[in-house]
Amino acid sequence: MASPNLTEQECAVLAETLRRIIDADRYPLSPRVAQLRAIMRKLCPPEAEVEPLPAPKPPAEKSIALRRAKRRR
């Protein structure tokens, strides 16, 4: 079966309808809802979130083991 050519507006309406059906379903783990979620992912794939790298940690005090090793020399 060929995929239908939908406009962005039609895709948005269809996605919103699917969201409402999925949210209102009494059995969220049912195979029917799983299939609807799969269709939803095909219509509107989730965009990958880019997480920024954490800020570098400030230089801290040397560990106890390093301080003891330095004293032994």
C-alpha atoms as a PDB file:
ATOM      1  CA  MET A   1       0.000   0.000   0.000  1.00  0.00           C
ATOM      2  CA  ALA A   2       1.374   3.370  -0.974  1.00  0.00           C
ATOM      3  CA  SER A   3       1.817   6.075   1.634  1.00  0.00           C
ATOM      4  CA  PRO A   4      -0.597   8.994   1.276  1.00  0.00           C
ATOM      5  CA  ASN A   5       0.713  12.433   0.411  1.00  0.00           C
ATOM      6  CA  LEU A   6      -0.439  14.621   3.273  1.00  0.00           C
ATOM      7  CA  THR A   7       0.045  18.341   3.697  1.00  0.00           C
ATOM      8  CA  GLU A   8       1.588  19.582   6.923  1.00  0.00           C
ATOM      9  CA  GLN A   9      -1.807  20.761   8.137  1.00  0.00           C
ATOM     10  CA  GLU A  10      -3.408  17.374   7.451  1.00  0.00           C
ATOM     11  CA  CYS A  11      -0.522  15.636   9.187  1.00  0.00           C
ATOM     12  CA  ALA A  12      -0.909  17.923  12.229  1.00  0.00           C
ATOM     13  CA  VAL A  13      -4.658  17.232  12.437  1.00  0.00           C
ATOM     14  CA  LEU A  14      -4.094  13.503  12.129  1.00  0.00           C
ATOM     15  CA  ALA A  15      -1.331  13.568  14.752  1.00  0.00           C
ATOM     16  CA  GLU A  16      -3.524  15.525  17.188  1.00  0.00           C
ATOM     17  CA  THR A  17      -6.390  13.065  16.683  1.00  0.00           C
ATOM     18  CA  LEU A  18      -4.035  10.143  17.316  1.00  0.00           C
ATOM     19  CA  ARG A  19      -2.707  11.840  20.479  1.00  0.00           C
ATOM     20  CA  ARG A  20      -6.254  12.270  21.811  1.00  0.00           C
ATOM     21  CA  ILE A  21      -7.146   8.648  21.042  1.00  0.00           C
ATOM     22  CA  ILE A  22      -3.964   7.365  22.701  1.00  0.00           C
ATOM     23  CA  ASP A  23      -4.379   9.584  25.794  1.00  0.00           C
ATOM     24  CA  ALA A  24      -8.039   8.641  26.246  1.00  0.00           C
ATOM     25  CA  ASP A  25      -7.542   4.895  25.804  1.00  0.00           C
ATOM     26  CA  ARG A  26      -8.415   2.806  28.818  1.00  0.00           C
ATOM     27  CA  TYR A  27      -5.629   0.283  28.183  1.00  0.00           C
ATOM     28  CA  PRO A  28      -2.434   2.221  27.341  1.00  0.00           C
ATOM     29  CA  LEU A  29      -0.315  -0.937  26.968  1.00  0.00           C
ATOM     30  CA  SER A  30      -2.665  -2.706  24.564  1.00  0.00           C
ATOM     31  CA  PRO A  31      -1.425  -3.816  21.125  1.00  0.00           C
ATOM     32  CA  ARG A  32      -3.899  -1.422  19.507  1.00  0.00           C
ATOM     33  CA  VAL A  33      -2.374   1.588  21.287  1.00  0.00           C
ATOM     34  CA  ALA A  34       1.140   0.323  20.520  1.00  0.00           C
ATOM     35  CA  GLN A  35       0.224   0.252  16.849  1.00  0.00           C
ATOM     36  CA  LEU A  36      -1.226   3.780  17.039  1.00  0.00           C
ATOM     37  CA  ARG A  37       1.993   5.008  18.706  1.00  0.00           C
ATOM     38  CA  ALA A  38       4.047   3.426  15.910  1.00  0.00           C
ATOM     39  CA  ILE A  39       1.922   5.239  13.335  1.00  0.00           C
ATOM     40  CA  MET A  40       2.341   8.459  15.306  1.00  0.00           C
ATOM     41  CA  ARG A  41       6.148   8.080  15.276  1.00  0.00           C
ATOM     42  CA  LYS A  42       6.033   7.683  11.486  1.00  0.00           C
ATOM     43  CA  LEU A  43       3.879  10.792  11.037  1.00  0.00           C
ATOM     44  CA  CYS A  44       5.755  13.032  13.450  1.00  0.00           C
ATOM     45  CA  PRO A  45       9.119  11.558  14.418  1.00  0.00           C
ATOM     46  CA  PRO A  46      10.437  12.964  17.702  1.00  0.00           C
ATOM     47  CA  GLU A  47      13.298  15.357  17.167  1.00  0.00           C
ATOM     48  CA  ALA A  48      16.527  14.427  18.875  1.00  0.00           C
ATOM     49  CA  GLU A  49      17.254  16.694  21.790  1.00  0.00           C
ATOM     50  CA  VAL A  50      20.800  17.979  21.875  1.00  0.00           C
ATOM     51  CA  GLU A  51      22.059  18.230  25.419  1.00  0.00           C
ATOM     52  CA  PRO A  52      24.934  20.608  25.999  1.00  0.00           C
ATOM     53  CA  LEU A  53      28.014  19.208  27.645  1.00  0.00           C
ATOM     54  CA  PRO A  54      28.251  19.907  31.365  1.00  0.00           C
ATOM     55  CA  ALA A  55      30.455  22.767  32.457  1.00  0.00           C
ATOM     56  CA  PRO A  56      33.971  21.731  33.425  1.00  0.00           C
ATOM     57  CA  LYS A  57      34.436  21.200  37.123  1.00  0.00           C
ATOM     58  CA  PRO A  58      36.683  23.662  38.908  1.00  0.00           C
ATOM     59  CA  PRO A  59      40.010  22.317  40.110  1.00  0.00           C
ATOM     60  CA  ALA A  60      39.491  20.828  43.523  1.00  0.00           C
ATOM     61  CA  GLU A  61      41.676  19.914  46.414  1.00  0.00           C
ATOM     62  CA  LYS A  62      43.899  16.886  45.792  1.00  0.00           C
ATOM     63  CA  SER A  63      42.648  13.591  47.133  1.00  0.00           C
ATOM     64  CA  ILE A  64      43.866  12.250  50.466  1.00  0.00           C
ATOM     65  CA  ALA A  65      45.686   9.393  48.738  1.00  0.00           C
ATOM     66  CA  LEU A  66      47.696  11.804  46.571  1.00  0.00           C
ATOM     67  CA  ARG A  67      48.583  13.974  49.545  1.00  0.00           C
ATOM     68  CA  ARG A  68      49.814  10.942  51.518  1.00  0.00           C
ATOM     69  CA  ALA A  69      51.849   9.680  48.553  1.00  0.00           C
ATOM     70  CA  LYS A  70      53.480  13.085  48.196  1.00  0.00           C
ATOM     71  CA  ARG A  71      54.440  13.123  51.898  1.00  0.00           C
ATOM     72  CA  ARG A  72      56.145   9.709  51.639  1.00  0.00           C
ATOM     73  CA  ARG A  73      58.664  10.881  49.064  1.00  0.00           C
END
